[in-house]
Amino acid sequence: MTDDVHVHSKPEGASVGVSIAIFIFLVIILAVFGDLFVFILGLIGLVVTFAAFYKDHSADGH
């Protein structure tokens, strides 16, 4: 027999504060080392990536 026990626990991961700090750190790296074109494209990529990550993990809590 198999035990079908489903345990719902909060996944261990970075807190919101750590995610914001990483985002700001990456934006600073883009601003310092990239030109305007790379900064704009990188910023769009970062925003989309972090928004998708937040959306995926915020749905887990509800």
Protein backbone atom coordinates (compact mmCIF):
# COMPACT_ATOMS: atom_id res chain seq x y z
CA MET A 1 0.00 0.00 0.00
CA THR A 2 1.12 3.49 -0.65
CA ASP A 3 0.55 6.35 1.71
CA ASP A 4 -1.06 9.29 -0.07
CA VAL A 5 -0.13 11.90 2.48
CA HIS A 6 0.15 15.41 1.11
CA VAL A 7 1.96 17.84 3.34
CA HIS A 8 1.50 21.48 2.40
CA SER A 9 4.34 23.50 3.77
CA LYS A 10 5.71 26.86 2.84
CA PRO A 11 8.66 26.41 0.48
CA GLU A 12 11.94 27.68 1.79
CA GLY A 13 13.18 30.57 -0.30
CA ALA A 14 14.38 34.10 -0.27
CA SER A 15 12.24 36.66 1.50
CA VAL A 16 10.78 39.66 -0.26
CA GLY A 17 13.47 41.93 1.20
CA VAL A 18 16.25 39.75 -0.16
CA SER A 19 14.57 39.66 -3.58
CA ILE A 20 14.35 43.46 -3.64
CA ALA A 21 17.98 43.78 -2.60
CA ILE A 22 19.08 41.39 -5.37
CA PHE A 23 16.98 43.33 -7.90
CA ILE A 24 18.51 46.66 -6.87
CA PHE A 25 22.01 45.14 -6.93
CA LEU A 26 21.49 43.85 -10.47
CA VAL A 27 20.11 47.22 -11.62
CA ILE A 28 23.19 48.95 -10.20
CA ILE A 29 25.45 46.50 -12.04
CA LEU A 30 23.58 47.26 -15.27
CA ALA A 31 23.86 51.00 -14.69
CA VAL A 32 27.58 50.88 -13.95
CA PHE A 33 28.80 48.42 -16.57
CA GLY A 34 26.27 48.81 -19.40
CA ASP A 35 25.55 51.54 -21.89
CA LEU A 36 22.05 53.04 -22.21
CA PHE A 37 20.78 50.42 -24.67
CA VAL A 38 21.98 47.49 -22.53
CA PHE A 39 20.61 49.18 -19.40
CA ILE A 40 17.14 49.62 -20.92
CA LEU A 41 16.97 46.06 -22.29
CA GLY A 42 18.43 44.61 -19.10
CA LEU A 43 16.01 46.56 -16.93
CA ILE A 44 13.06 45.29 -18.97
CA GLY A 45 14.40 41.74 -18.66
CA LEU A 46 14.90 42.08 -14.91
CA VAL A 47 11.42 43.48 -14.35
CA VAL A 48 9.79 40.71 -16.39
CA THR A 49 11.86 38.01 -14.69
CA PHE A 50 11.24 39.22 -11.15
CA ALA A 51 7.54 39.86 -11.85
CA ALA A 52 7.09 36.33 -13.19
CA PHE A 53 8.98 34.91 -10.20
CA TYR A 54 6.82 36.89 -7.78
CA LYS A 55 3.62 35.90 -9.57
CA ASP A 56 4.55 32.20 -9.46
CA HIS A 57 5.38 32.28 -5.76
CA SER A 58 2.52 34.54 -4.68
CA ALA A 59 0.01 32.06 -6.13
CA ASP A 60 1.50 29.30 -3.97
CA GLY A 61 0.48 31.10 -0.80
CA HIS A 62 -3.23 31.20 -1.62
